Structures are given as C-alpha cells and as structure tokens.
Amino acid sequence: MSRSPSRLQSILALCAATALGFSVSLGYMAGARAATAPPVPSAVGTEGELPDLGSPANAAISLEDEYEAGLMYTRQMRQRGMILDDPEVSEYIEDIGHQLSSYAEEGQHEFSYFVIKDPDINAFAIPGGFIFVNSGLFLATGNESELAAVLAHETAHVTQRHIARQIVDQSHAGLISTAAMLAAILLGATAGGGSPDAMEGAIAATQGAAIQHQINYTRSQEAEADRIGIYTMASAGFDPLAMASFFGKFDRNSPDPSRTDAIGFLLDHPVTSDRIAEARNRASQIGRIHHVDSISYGLMRERLRSLTGDPDKAVQYYRDLLKNGGGRDLDDRYGMAVAETRAKMPEPAIVELQKLLQQEPKITQLYGALGQAYLADGQLKRSQAVLEQALGLFPRNVPITIRLAQTYMREGQNKRAHLLLLDLFDIVEPTPEQTKLIAKAAHAAGDVADSYYYLSEFYIMNGELNRSSNELMLALALPGLNPIQRARFSARLEQVRSALAKDKRRKKSSDDRGGGDGDGGN
C-alpha cells in the first residue's frame, strides 16, 4: 500500500480532527532515583506487525496502539509550546480530571488532563486517555461543575473508544485497510524524524473544515458522551445540570450564537435545543447535586486569565474591574497579583499577596504566588523563606517544591535544589519541563552524570530517542561513576536502543509493504 504525503496527512487529520481530544501522559517516566526505569515506549508502537483487529463484528484497535497514536500528537503539541506547563494550573486540572476518571467505570486507561494555551472555546480528547481543555473554555465556564461537565464528556469519548470505532466504521475496504490506516497514523510519529510538517499539515487540515465535523462527530457518539459524562460527573459529586447549562450558553438559537471564540466548540460539539433538553432530562432523573466550587477553581481561572494573554492587558482588566466597583474578591485580587508579577510589577503584587496570606493562611497558591513575586523583585531570601514555610505546611506539594527549587537555583544553592527535586520526583511523576529543570539543577550542582541521565529522560518524553541515546552514552563515558549509576544508565540505554531497533523494523516493514499494491482501498 503506497501512501503519498497528502495521503498520510489525510489519515493523520482523521485521527486529529475526530476532536475527541488531545492530552499527554508521561507514564513511562520513573521516579528520579529509581534503580531501574520502566520500558521506553517506541515512537510508533510495539513490534513490527499491524495490530490484530479481530473479526469484522468486533474489530477494535488495541489500547496500546491508541496510546501510541495519542502520544505522538501530544509530543507534537508540547514541542510547539501549546501545552501550558504551569505547576499550579496543571495540578488543578489533573485533580478535577482524576476525580471524574475514577468514576468512569473503566480501568483500562490512565488519564491525563491538560490546559492548552488557546483563547478559543473548545476541548477535545485523543485516544489513550489524553484530555485537553483550551484556556478559553476554562474561562468561559461559570462554575466548577460546568468545567467538570466538559471534562466528563471528553473522558467518555475515550472510555467509549470513539476514534477507534470511527476508524473501523469508516474503513469500507475492510480490516486490511483499517490496519493500514492505523499503521500510517503510528508511523507518522517517526516519518522524517518525527515529521513536524506532516503533523502541522494534519492539524491545519482540521481547522475551519465545517464539513469535517459531520464525519468526526456522529450524533450517537455525542449523545453517548453526554449520557455517560452526566452520570460520571454526578457520581463524582458535581451538579449534573451543569452540562445542559454550559451547552445552553452556545445554543445556536441563543442571542449571540456567532461569537467567534465559540466557533470551534460549535463545530466539534453541535449544540441543539434537543440536545440541551436531553441533558436536562437526564440530570433531572439523577437529581440536583449542590456542589460548592473549590477555592482552587476560582484562583486557577484567574491565574489562567493572567498567564495566557498579554500581561499588560491582564493588569488593565483587573484595574477596570476595580474602577467599576468589582475586583475585590479573593480570586480577582490573586489574579491581579499574578498579572502584575508577570508584567514585571512585583511590588504591588507583594503587598496584596501579603494581605491575602494574613487572611487565608491555608491556601497554598498564595504562598507560591508570593514566592514568585519576591523572586521577580530580586528578594531571594524572602522568596526562600515564604516557600520553605509553605513546604513545611504542605510537604511535597508540587507547585511549592518547584517554586522553591527555582529560588534555590537563583541563589546559587543548586545542590539543595537538586536534592529537593529528587525527593519530590521519587513519588511524583515529573512533566518534561520539570525533568529538564532537574537536569539543569543536577548540572549546576556538579552532578554531571545525573544531568545527562535526566536530559535523556526529557528526550524520551519528546520522542527523540537518538538524542536520549547520545545523552546516556555521554553519561556512561564519564569517569568516577558508582556501580548503581553505571547499572542504571546501561539498563536505560539498552531499553532506548531496543525501542530504536523496533522503530527501524517497523519502518522497513512499512516500506516493504508499500512496494506495489497501489493506494489500497478508499
């Protein structure tokens, strides 16, 4: 089966445009001091064979293949800086997501939830348990239950394996064509060294294509995601009526259905009065649940407002609130301080955050924001003091630990930063940026060997296995390695080389199959 670049892009677009979402899981990153690391994921999957799809009646793509396809997209998004890698926001969205996924009555996926730096109102899921929500959608929600409704809906797309079902349903040529389609999706991860251009083309092909949503989103799948999502969010303690209320904001019959920031949401999640009525009916059968928004919801909503736009405009937004008699609640005052710090005006932020901490000494986000404001103002010792105080109150809190490590490094206390991060990542899985941070701390602390090792893990997370291999070889070439380091580095290098060999075999197998059977079925 021969495939031109345009053919490959159209196949990639099918998976991307299904708008069942984007999210990243880093499940293969071990604790920073683990003696042995888990298997390195191949850039395109396991072994060189096409997936076994079973009989036509129950044809299905394996969960492992779904994960590999989702991971491919996630890597591309992260490399383009689309994912907001903010410790506070990431911790919150993961917490809400996992509250929901724990009630999804499905134990096959390990879900990960992320915020995308995009002002448009949309959310989407990718096979393998990757759920993404745009910052614009987060800001458009009126309460925590509305946010949970969207995440529950996208989670249901994954648990019901809608993308896999669509690929099978649309493969009119039968199972061989379906298997080849999936293989092309997976091979796209390594084509041209990761093929950013192919990925970019695939994503671009999905934007503004109004007709594509007729393929991507069948009414039955949307209804199924609504139905399951409502029961999931109710089980997790959120108000089930929130799904109908949020969709109602974007009903095409509403007073302002043409708002441009909602176009993507309306294309991907067609809203009708019947759909809203059905959601209300299901919620009424369950009964209203009085859910009180967490303090974190309002704080993170304003944090997003301050982090994802122009910092000066964000400051002006809060100043305008004050002029109009608002902006005096905890959320807005916190948002203003975050915006001022980002706009390089830390002095007023420090004053305001000090006041807030006196009133609310149990809110972790206030300590982190004050520590960052002190750091931005060059008051390193005060930043260290407030963050150490917070870590004493909230041991191994991820955002606080990251902020304190950054302060230590600014002070030149690199060894303390290194040890602090090692202690955290023994029990908490780091993101790629956090892995890069510990590599930087290790190098600055003089632990060059571990710096190479952590950098190799960073490259694994980004699908750059050759670069990971190079870092591990550099580590092994250093003199004075202890036996534990040498054994750990050698084992990891063997895993990376094994994954590279599998990718090479798969690529060769694909090239061999493309020798003479034409384009295959349509």
Protein backbone atom coordinates (compact mmCIF):
# COMPACT_ATOMS: atom_id res chain seq x y z
CA MET A 1 0.00 0.00 0.00
CA SER A 2 1.70 3.16 -1.20
CA ARG A 3 0.92 6.45 0.54
CA SER A 4 1.92 9.92 -0.60
CA PRO A 5 2.47 12.72 1.92
CA SER A 6 -1.02 14.08 1.23
CA ARG A 7 -2.49 10.64 1.85
CA LEU A 8 -0.59 10.42 5.13
CA GLN A 9 -1.75 13.87 6.13
CA SER A 10 -5.36 13.00 5.44
CA ILE A 11 -5.05 9.90 7.61
CA LEU A 12 -3.41 11.90 10.38
CA ALA A 13 -6.13 14.51 10.03
CA LEU A 14 -8.78 11.85 10.50
CA CYS A 15 -7.37 10.99 13.90
CA ALA A 16 -6.72 14.62 14.85
CA ALA A 17 -9.97 16.00 13.56
CA THR A 18 -12.10 13.49 15.37
CA ALA A 19 -11.88 16.18 18.04
CA LEU A 20 -12.02 13.58 20.70
CA GLY A 21 -9.12 15.48 22.09
CA PHE A 22 -5.52 15.95 22.92
CA SER A 23 -3.79 15.15 26.23
CA VAL A 24 -0.43 13.91 27.39
CA SER A 25 0.57 11.05 29.61
CA LEU A 26 4.11 10.60 30.77
CA GLY A 27 3.64 7.23 32.35
CA TYR A 28 6.98 5.96 31.24
CA MET A 29 8.99 8.41 33.34
CA ALA A 30 10.18 6.71 36.51
CA GLY A 31 11.00 8.33 39.82
CA ALA A 32 14.20 10.32 39.55
CA ARG A 33 16.23 7.99 41.71
CA ALA A 34 14.72 4.67 40.64
CA ALA A 35 17.39 2.00 40.24
CA THR A 36 15.67 0.70 37.13
CA ALA A 37 13.46 2.58 34.71
CA PRO A 38 10.29 1.34 33.02
CA PRO A 39 10.31 0.35 29.36
CA VAL A 40 10.91 3.10 26.85
CA PRO A 41 7.90 3.47 24.54
CA SER A 42 8.66 3.01 20.89
CA ALA A 43 8.00 6.12 18.89
CA VAL A 44 5.43 4.22 16.85
CA GLY A 45 4.34 1.27 18.93
CA THR A 46 5.43 -2.24 19.74
CA GLU A 47 6.71 -4.89 17.39
CA GLY A 48 6.58 -4.56 13.63
CA GLU A 49 3.22 -6.15 12.93
CA LEU A 50 -0.05 -4.43 12.17
CA PRO A 51 -2.49 -4.55 15.08
CA ASP A 52 -4.77 -7.54 15.37
CA LEU A 53 -8.24 -6.12 14.85
CA GLY A 54 -10.18 -9.32 15.38
CA SER A 55 -13.35 -10.21 13.48
CA PRO A 56 -15.35 -7.69 11.42
CA ALA A 57 -18.13 -7.82 14.01
CA ASN A 58 -15.99 -6.62 16.90
CA ALA A 59 -12.99 -5.11 15.11
CA ALA A 60 -11.07 -2.88 17.50
CA ILE A 61 -7.72 -1.15 17.72
CA SER A 62 -5.64 -2.17 20.70
CA LEU A 63 -5.37 0.13 23.68
CA GLU A 64 -1.61 0.13 23.25
CA ASP A 65 -1.94 1.36 19.67
CA GLU A 66 -4.39 4.05 20.79
CA TYR A 67 -1.88 5.19 23.40
CA GLU A 68 0.95 5.36 20.86
CA ALA A 69 -1.16 7.43 18.46
CA GLY A 70 -2.21 9.80 21.24
CA LEU A 71 1.33 10.11 22.49
CA MET A 72 2.50 11.09 19.01
CA TYR A 73 0.10 14.04 18.89
CA THR A 74 0.91 15.07 22.43
CA ARG A 75 4.63 15.24 21.72
CA GLN A 76 4.00 17.47 18.73
CA MET A 77 1.79 19.79 20.76
CA ARG A 78 4.29 20.05 23.56
CA GLN A 79 7.13 20.75 21.13
CA ARG A 80 5.10 23.62 19.70
CA GLY A 81 4.55 25.11 23.14
CA MET A 82 0.79 24.63 23.00
CA ILE A 83 0.52 22.98 26.42
CA LEU A 84 0.51 25.29 29.43
CA ASP A 85 3.22 23.89 31.69
CA ASP A 86 2.28 25.79 34.84
CA PRO A 87 2.56 23.71 38.04
CA GLU A 88 -0.44 25.28 39.75
CA VAL A 89 -2.83 25.03 36.80
CA SER A 90 -1.61 21.56 35.85
CA GLU A 91 -2.13 20.24 39.37
CA TYR A 92 -5.66 21.60 39.47
CA ILE A 93 -6.84 20.29 36.10
CA GLU A 94 -5.33 16.87 36.83
CA ASP A 95 -7.09 16.78 40.19
CA ILE A 96 -10.51 17.56 38.71
CA GLY A 97 -9.93 15.13 35.85
CA HIS A 98 -8.93 12.29 38.11
CA GLN A 99 -11.95 12.88 40.33
CA LEU A 100 -14.02 12.18 37.22
CA SER A 101 -12.00 9.35 35.68
CA SER A 102 -12.09 7.43 38.96
CA TYR A 103 -15.87 7.16 38.46
CA ALA A 104 -15.71 6.37 34.75
CA GLU A 105 -16.30 2.65 35.42
CA GLU A 106 -13.39 1.81 33.18
CA GLY A 107 -9.97 0.71 34.33
CA GLN A 108 -8.15 0.37 31.02
CA HIS A 109 -6.85 3.92 30.61
CA GLU A 110 -4.56 6.12 32.67
CA PHE A 111 -6.00 9.55 32.05
CA SER A 112 -4.05 12.79 31.87
CA TYR A 113 -5.61 16.24 31.67
CA PHE A 114 -4.01 19.41 30.32
CA VAL A 115 -4.74 23.04 29.53
CA ILE A 116 -3.95 24.37 26.06
CA LYS A 117 -2.90 27.98 25.58
CA ASP A 118 -5.72 28.86 23.20
CA PRO A 119 -8.39 31.56 23.72
CA ASP A 120 -10.94 29.68 21.62
CA ILE A 121 -13.66 27.83 23.47
CA ASN A 122 -13.06 24.14 22.91
CA ALA A 123 -11.96 20.88 24.48
CA PHE A 124 -11.00 17.57 22.95
CA ALA A 125 -9.68 14.11 23.73
CA ILE A 126 -7.17 11.87 22.00
CA PRO A 127 -7.04 8.07 22.13
CA GLY A 128 -5.09 6.64 25.02
CA GLY A 129 -6.58 8.82 27.76
CA PHE A 130 -5.30 12.27 26.77
CA ILE A 131 -7.78 15.07 27.56
CA PHE A 132 -7.22 18.73 26.68
CA VAL A 133 -9.18 21.86 27.51
CA ASN A 134 -8.48 25.25 25.96
CA SER A 135 -7.81 28.12 28.32
CA GLY A 136 -10.66 29.97 26.58
CA LEU A 137 -13.12 27.26 27.57
CA PHE A 138 -11.92 27.23 31.17
CA LEU A 139 -12.54 30.99 31.33
CA ALA A 140 -15.96 30.57 29.72
CA THR A 141 -17.20 28.27 32.48
CA GLY A 142 -19.32 29.84 35.18
CA ASN A 143 -18.64 27.32 37.89
CA GLU A 144 -16.63 24.20 38.64
CA SER A 145 -19.44 21.83 37.67
CA GLU A 146 -19.50 23.29 34.14
CA LEU A 147 -15.79 22.64 33.81
CA ALA A 148 -16.30 19.11 35.15
CA ALA A 149 -19.12 18.59 32.62
CA VAL A 150 -16.80 19.27 29.71
CA LEU A 151 -14.03 17.07 31.12
CA ALA A 152 -16.53 14.27 31.83
CA HIS A 153 -17.86 14.48 28.27
CA GLU A 154 -14.35 14.22 26.80
CA THR A 155 -13.44 11.42 29.21
CA ALA A 156 -16.45 9.48 27.94
CA HIS A 157 -15.19 9.84 24.35
CA VAL A 158 -12.06 7.99 25.44
CA THR A 159 -13.70 5.29 27.54
CA GLN A 160 -16.09 4.54 24.67
CA ARG A 161 -13.14 4.48 22.24
CA HIS A 162 -14.92 6.63 19.70
CA ILE A 163 -11.90 7.29 17.49
CA ALA A 164 -11.12 3.58 17.20
CA ARG A 165 -14.75 2.88 16.40
CA GLN A 166 -14.83 5.60 13.76
CA ILE A 167 -11.69 4.34 12.06
CA VAL A 168 -13.16 0.85 11.91
CA ASP A 169 -16.57 2.12 10.72
CA GLN A 170 -15.04 4.30 8.00
CA SER A 171 -12.74 1.60 6.70
CA HIS A 172 -15.02 0.42 3.91
CA ALA A 173 -12.24 -1.67 2.39
CA GLY A 174 -12.26 -3.97 5.42
CA LEU A 175 -9.83 -4.88 8.13
CA ILE A 176 -6.67 -4.71 6.00
CA SER A 177 -7.38 -1.09 5.15
CA THR A 178 -8.22 -0.36 8.80
CA ALA A 179 -4.96 -1.88 9.98
CA ALA A 180 -3.00 0.00 7.34
CA MET A 181 -4.73 3.23 8.37
CA LEU A 182 -3.68 2.77 11.97
CA ALA A 183 -0.15 1.81 10.93
CA ALA A 184 0.11 5.04 8.94
CA ILE A 185 -1.02 7.05 11.97
CA LEU A 186 1.62 5.41 14.14
CA LEU A 187 4.34 5.64 11.50
CA GLY A 188 3.67 9.34 11.25
CA ALA A 189 5.49 9.69 14.56
CA THR A 190 8.80 8.72 13.01
CA ALA A 191 8.40 9.76 9.39
CA GLY A 192 11.03 12.38 8.68
CA GLY A 193 12.38 12.24 12.23
CA GLY A 194 9.02 12.98 13.80
CA SER A 195 7.64 14.81 10.75
CA PRO A 196 6.57 18.11 12.33
CA ASP A 197 5.49 19.32 8.88
CA ALA A 198 3.20 16.35 8.40
CA MET A 199 1.74 16.90 11.84
CA GLU A 200 1.28 20.60 11.21
CA GLY A 201 -0.43 19.84 7.94
CA ALA A 202 -2.70 17.35 9.65
CA ILE A 203 -3.75 19.86 12.28
CA ALA A 204 -4.15 22.65 9.71
CA ALA A 205 -6.35 20.38 7.62
CA THR A 206 -8.80 20.15 10.51
CA GLN A 207 -9.16 23.87 11.17
CA GLY A 208 -12.16 25.62 9.73
CA ALA A 209 -13.39 22.48 7.96
CA ALA A 210 -17.06 22.70 8.84
CA ILE A 211 -17.99 19.67 6.79
CA GLN A 212 -15.44 17.51 8.60
CA HIS A 213 -17.39 17.54 11.83
CA GLN A 214 -20.14 15.57 10.10
CA ILE A 215 -17.63 12.72 9.84
CA ASN A 216 -15.89 13.31 13.13
CA TYR A 217 -18.87 13.61 15.38
CA THR A 218 -21.86 11.43 14.86
CA ARG A 219 -24.93 12.32 16.84
CA SER A 220 -24.86 8.95 18.53
CA GLN A 221 -21.31 9.46 19.81
CA GLU A 222 -22.05 12.91 21.14
CA ALA A 223 -25.21 11.66 22.82
CA GLU A 224 -23.30 8.74 24.30
CA ALA A 225 -20.57 11.04 25.64
CA ASP A 226 -23.24 13.33 27.12
CA ARG A 227 -25.11 10.47 28.76
CA ILE A 228 -22.07 8.79 30.27
CA GLY A 229 -20.48 12.11 31.16
CA ILE A 230 -23.53 13.27 33.11
CA TYR A 231 -23.59 10.13 35.23
CA THR A 232 -19.82 10.30 35.73
CA MET A 233 -19.83 13.89 36.95
CA ALA A 234 -22.80 13.24 39.23
CA SER A 235 -21.01 10.24 40.73
CA ALA A 236 -18.01 12.49 41.39
CA GLY A 237 -20.18 14.98 43.26
CA PHE A 238 -20.71 17.65 40.58
CA ASP A 239 -24.08 19.12 39.60
CA PRO A 240 -25.33 17.06 36.60
CA LEU A 241 -27.41 20.00 35.35
CA ALA A 242 -24.18 21.87 34.58
CA MET A 243 -23.72 20.08 31.26
CA ALA A 244 -27.03 21.43 29.95
CA SER A 245 -26.33 24.89 31.36
CA PHE A 246 -22.92 25.08 29.71
CA PHE A 247 -24.17 23.83 26.35
CA GLY A 248 -27.02 26.31 26.64
CA LYS A 249 -24.52 29.16 26.51
CA PHE A 250 -23.66 28.15 22.94
CA ASP A 251 -27.04 27.07 21.60
CA ARG A 252 -27.32 28.26 18.02
CA ASN A 253 -30.68 29.72 18.97
CA SER A 254 -29.15 31.81 21.74
CA PRO A 255 -28.94 35.63 21.42
CA ASP A 256 -25.31 35.55 20.32
CA PRO A 257 -24.59 32.26 18.53
CA SER A 258 -21.95 33.84 16.29
CA ARG A 259 -19.34 34.71 18.93
CA THR A 260 -16.10 33.86 17.16
CA ASP A 261 -14.38 32.24 20.12
CA ALA A 262 -17.13 29.58 20.24
CA ILE A 263 -16.97 28.54 16.59
CA GLY A 264 -14.64 25.61 17.26
CA PHE A 265 -16.83 24.39 20.09
CA LEU A 266 -19.98 24.56 17.96
CA LEU A 267 -18.33 22.69 15.10
CA ASP A 268 -16.93 19.96 17.31
CA HIS A 269 -19.89 19.77 19.70
CA PRO A 270 -23.00 20.68 17.69
CA VAL A 271 -25.49 22.16 20.15
CA THR A 272 -29.22 21.89 19.56
CA SER A 273 -32.26 22.52 21.72
CA ASP A 274 -32.98 18.78 21.66
CA ARG A 275 -29.51 18.01 22.95
CA ILE A 276 -29.84 20.52 25.77
CA ALA A 277 -33.30 19.19 26.64
CA GLU A 278 -31.99 15.63 26.73
CA ALA A 279 -29.13 16.67 29.04
CA ARG A 280 -31.60 18.45 31.34
CA ASN A 281 -33.86 15.41 31.37
CA ARG A 282 -31.04 13.08 32.38
CA ALA A 283 -29.90 15.50 35.07
CA SER A 284 -33.43 15.71 36.48
CA GLN A 285 -33.59 11.92 36.68
CA ILE A 286 -30.45 11.96 38.81
CA GLY A 287 -31.46 14.98 40.85
CA ARG A 288 -29.65 18.23 41.55
CA ILE A 289 -26.39 17.99 43.48
CA HIS A 290 -25.29 21.03 45.42
CA HIS A 291 -21.62 21.32 44.57
CA VAL A 292 -19.63 24.11 46.20
CA ASP A 293 -16.82 25.35 43.98
CA SER A 294 -13.38 24.67 45.38
CA ILE A 295 -11.21 27.66 46.22
CA SER A 296 -8.77 26.41 43.59
CA TYR A 297 -11.33 26.73 40.78
CA GLY A 298 -11.69 30.48 41.08
CA LEU A 299 -7.99 31.04 41.69
CA MET A 300 -6.91 28.95 38.70
CA ARG A 301 -9.50 30.58 36.48
CA GLU A 302 -7.97 33.99 37.23
CA ARG A 303 -4.45 32.60 37.05
CA LEU A 304 -5.20 31.42 33.50
CA ARG A 305 -6.55 34.85 32.61
CA SER A 306 -3.27 36.39 33.78
CA LEU A 307 -0.92 33.81 32.22
CA THR A 308 -2.35 33.23 28.75
CA GLY A 309 -2.79 36.73 27.40
CA ASP A 310 -0.83 39.95 27.18
CA PRO A 311 0.34 40.72 30.75
CA ASP A 312 -0.27 44.46 30.48
CA LYS A 313 -3.80 43.86 29.19
CA ALA A 314 -4.43 41.47 32.05
CA VAL A 315 -3.37 44.11 34.57
CA GLN A 316 -5.65 46.62 32.86
CA TYR A 317 -8.54 44.14 33.03
CA TYR A 318 -8.29 43.97 36.82
CA ARG A 319 -7.82 47.73 37.13
CA ASP A 320 -11.00 48.21 35.13
CA LEU A 321 -12.80 45.83 37.48
CA LEU A 322 -11.75 47.96 40.43
CA LYS A 323 -12.90 51.15 38.69
CA ASN A 324 -16.30 49.58 38.14
CA GLY A 325 -16.68 48.54 41.75
CA GLY A 326 -15.54 44.92 41.40
CA GLY A 327 -12.27 43.06 41.63
CA ARG A 328 -12.26 42.89 45.42
CA ASP A 329 -12.84 39.20 46.00
CA LEU A 330 -10.07 36.66 46.63
CA ASP A 331 -9.96 35.34 43.06
CA ASP A 332 -9.63 38.74 41.39
CA ARG A 333 -7.06 40.01 43.90
CA TYR A 334 -4.98 36.88 43.32
CA GLY A 335 -5.34 37.22 39.55
CA MET A 336 -4.26 40.85 39.72
CA ALA A 337 -1.15 39.92 41.70
CA VAL A 338 -0.22 37.18 39.23
CA ALA A 339 -0.74 39.59 36.33
CA GLU A 340 1.38 42.29 37.99
CA THR A 341 4.20 39.84 38.66
CA ARG A 342 4.14 38.69 35.05
CA ALA A 343 4.06 42.31 33.86
CA LYS A 344 7.24 42.99 35.88
CA MET A 345 5.42 44.99 38.54
CA PRO A 346 6.05 42.75 41.57
CA GLU A 347 5.96 45.45 44.28
CA PRO A 348 2.16 45.92 44.42
CA ALA A 349 1.72 42.16 43.96
CA ILE A 350 3.83 41.51 47.07
CA VAL A 351 1.78 43.94 49.17
CA GLU A 352 -1.53 42.40 48.05
CA LEU A 353 -0.39 38.79 48.48
CA GLN A 354 0.91 39.52 51.97
CA LYS A 355 -2.56 40.82 52.89
CA LEU A 356 -4.25 37.80 51.37
CA LEU A 357 -2.00 35.37 53.22
CA GLN A 358 -2.82 37.03 56.52
CA GLN A 359 -6.50 36.42 55.77
CA GLU A 360 -6.14 32.94 54.20
CA PRO A 361 -3.02 31.21 55.59
CA LYS A 362 -4.12 27.75 54.37
CA ILE A 363 -4.26 28.48 50.64
CA THR A 364 -1.16 27.02 49.01
CA GLN A 365 -1.47 29.07 45.79
CA LEU A 366 -0.97 32.30 47.73
CA TYR A 367 2.40 31.14 49.04
CA GLY A 368 3.53 30.14 45.57
CA ALA A 369 2.45 33.46 44.07
CA LEU A 370 4.17 35.45 46.84
CA GLY A 371 7.34 33.42 46.42
CA GLN A 372 7.30 34.17 42.69
CA ALA A 373 6.66 37.86 43.31
CA TYR A 374 9.59 38.09 45.73
CA LEU A 375 11.75 36.26 43.19
CA ALA A 376 10.71 38.65 40.42
CA ASP A 377 11.61 41.56 42.72
CA GLY A 378 15.03 40.13 43.45
CA GLN A 379 14.21 39.43 47.11
CA LEU A 380 15.63 35.92 47.05
CA LYS A 381 15.85 35.32 50.79
CA ARG A 382 12.25 36.36 51.32
CA SER A 383 11.15 34.14 48.46
CA GLN A 384 13.04 31.25 50.03
CA ALA A 385 11.57 31.94 53.48
CA VAL A 386 7.93 32.04 52.38
CA LEU A 387 8.28 28.95 50.19
CA GLU A 388 10.09 26.97 52.89
CA GLN A 389 7.31 27.95 55.29
CA ALA A 390 4.75 26.69 52.77
CA LEU A 391 6.61 23.43 52.22
CA GLY A 392 6.59 22.87 55.97
CA LEU A 393 2.82 23.31 55.97
CA PHE A 394 2.23 21.34 52.76
CA PRO A 395 5.03 18.75 52.40
CA ARG A 396 5.90 17.69 48.84
CA ASN A 397 3.34 19.99 47.30
CA VAL A 398 4.41 20.00 43.66
CA PRO A 399 3.99 23.72 42.76
CA ILE A 400 5.58 24.88 46.02
CA THR A 401 8.51 22.47 45.59
CA ILE A 402 9.10 23.61 42.00
CA ARG A 403 8.97 27.28 43.03
CA LEU A 404 11.38 26.71 45.91
CA ALA A 405 13.81 24.81 43.68
CA GLN A 406 13.75 27.72 41.23
CA THR A 407 14.52 30.14 44.06
CA TYR A 408 17.38 27.96 45.33
CA MET A 409 18.87 27.92 41.84
CA ARG A 410 18.62 31.70 41.55
CA GLU A 411 20.50 31.91 44.84
CA GLY A 412 23.17 29.50 43.60
CA GLN A 413 22.04 26.76 46.01
CA ASN A 414 21.96 24.23 43.20
CA LYS A 415 22.71 21.17 45.31
CA ARG A 416 19.77 21.97 47.59
CA ALA A 417 17.56 22.41 44.53
CA HIS A 418 18.75 19.10 43.11
CA LEU A 419 18.10 17.18 46.34
CA LEU A 420 14.72 18.86 46.78
CA LEU A 421 13.59 17.83 43.31
CA LEU A 422 14.96 14.30 43.75
CA ASP A 423 12.87 13.91 46.88
CA LEU A 424 9.73 15.12 45.09
CA PHE A 425 10.18 13.05 41.94
CA ASP A 426 10.73 9.90 43.93
CA ILE A 427 6.95 9.92 44.48
CA VAL A 428 5.56 12.29 41.84
CA GLU A 429 5.92 11.82 38.11
CA PRO A 430 7.52 14.92 36.56
CA THR A 431 6.48 16.66 33.37
CA PRO A 432 9.06 17.11 30.59
CA GLU A 433 9.77 20.69 31.69
CA GLN A 434 10.22 19.56 35.28
CA THR A 435 12.58 16.82 34.09
CA LYS A 436 14.56 19.46 32.23
CA LEU A 437 14.64 21.55 35.42
CA ILE A 438 16.15 18.74 37.48
CA ALA A 439 18.71 18.10 34.72
CA LYS A 440 19.67 21.77 34.92
CA ALA A 441 19.86 21.64 38.73
CA ALA A 442 21.99 18.48 38.65
CA HIS A 443 24.42 20.02 36.18
CA ALA A 444 24.70 23.25 38.16
CA ALA A 445 25.29 21.19 41.32
CA GLY A 446 28.19 19.40 39.64
CA ASP A 447 26.40 16.08 39.23
CA VAL A 448 27.08 15.88 35.50
CA ALA A 449 26.27 12.18 35.20
CA ASP A 450 22.75 12.56 36.58
CA SER A 451 22.30 15.68 34.46
CA TYR A 452 22.92 13.60 31.33
CA TYR A 453 20.52 10.95 32.62
CA TYR A 454 17.66 13.36 33.30
CA LEU A 455 18.21 15.05 29.96
CA SER A 456 17.97 11.65 28.29
CA GLU A 457 14.60 11.19 30.02
CA PHE A 458 13.49 14.58 28.73
CA TYR A 459 14.31 13.49 25.17
CA ILE A 460 12.41 10.23 25.66
CA MET A 461 9.35 12.22 26.67
CA ASN A 462 9.63 14.18 23.44
CA GLY A 463 10.12 11.09 21.30
CA GLU A 464 13.74 11.91 20.47
CA LEU A 465 15.26 8.51 21.16
CA ASN A 466 18.50 9.10 19.27
CA ARG A 467 19.25 12.17 21.37
CA SER A 468 18.35 10.22 24.51
CA SER A 469 20.81 7.51 23.49
CA ASN A 470 23.54 10.10 22.98
CA GLU A 471 22.99 11.59 26.45
CA LEU A 472 23.20 8.15 28.08
CA MET A 473 26.42 7.34 26.23
CA LEU A 474 27.89 10.64 27.44
CA ALA A 475 26.90 9.71 30.99
CA LEU A 476 28.49 6.28 30.73
CA ALA A 477 31.72 7.78 29.36
CA LEU A 478 32.23 9.89 32.48
CA PRO A 479 34.90 8.76 34.94
CA GLY A 480 34.04 8.01 38.54
CA LEU A 481 30.54 6.56 38.09
CA ASN A 482 29.41 4.46 41.02
CA PRO A 483 28.12 0.91 40.34
CA ILE A 484 24.47 1.93 40.81
CA GLN A 485 24.73 4.78 38.31
CA ARG A 486 26.51 2.62 35.75
CA ALA A 487 23.92 -0.15 36.05
CA ARG A 488 21.01 2.29 35.78
CA PHE A 489 22.44 4.16 32.79
CA SER A 490 23.34 0.93 30.98
CA ALA A 491 19.89 -0.57 31.51
CA ARG A 492 18.20 2.57 30.24
CA LEU A 493 20.47 2.72 27.20
CA GLU A 494 19.60 -0.88 26.36
CA GLN A 495 15.90 -0.02 26.54
CA VAL A 496 16.33 3.01 24.28
CA ARG A 497 18.32 1.03 21.74
CA SER A 498 15.68 -1.70 21.76
CA ALA A 499 12.96 0.85 21.06
CA LEU A 500 15.00 2.35 18.24
CA ALA A 501 15.50 -1.10 16.70
CA LYS A 502 11.76 -1.77 16.83
CA ASP A 503 11.06 1.53 15.11
CA LYS A 504 13.56 0.68 12.39
CA ARG A 505 11.98 -2.74 11.82
CA ARG A 506 8.52 -1.22 11.64
CA LYS A 507 9.67 1.42 9.17
CA LYS A 508 11.32 -1.21 6.97
CA SER A 509 8.21 -3.38 7.12
CA SER A 510 6.09 -0.42 6.03
CA ASP A 511 8.46 0.40 3.17
CA ASP A 512 8.38 -3.21 2.00
CA ARG A 513 4.58 -3.25 2.03
CA GLY A 514 4.49 -0.04 0.01
CA GLY A 515 6.28 -1.62 -2.91
CA GLY A 516 3.49 -2.42 -5.30
CA ASP A 517 -0.08 -2.67 -4.12
CA GLY A 518 -1.10 0.88 -5.00
CA ASP A 519 -3.10 3.14 -2.82
CA GLY A 520 -5.31 0.47 -1.40
CA GLY A 521 -9.00 0.84 -0.69
CA ASN A 522 -10.87 4.06 -0.23
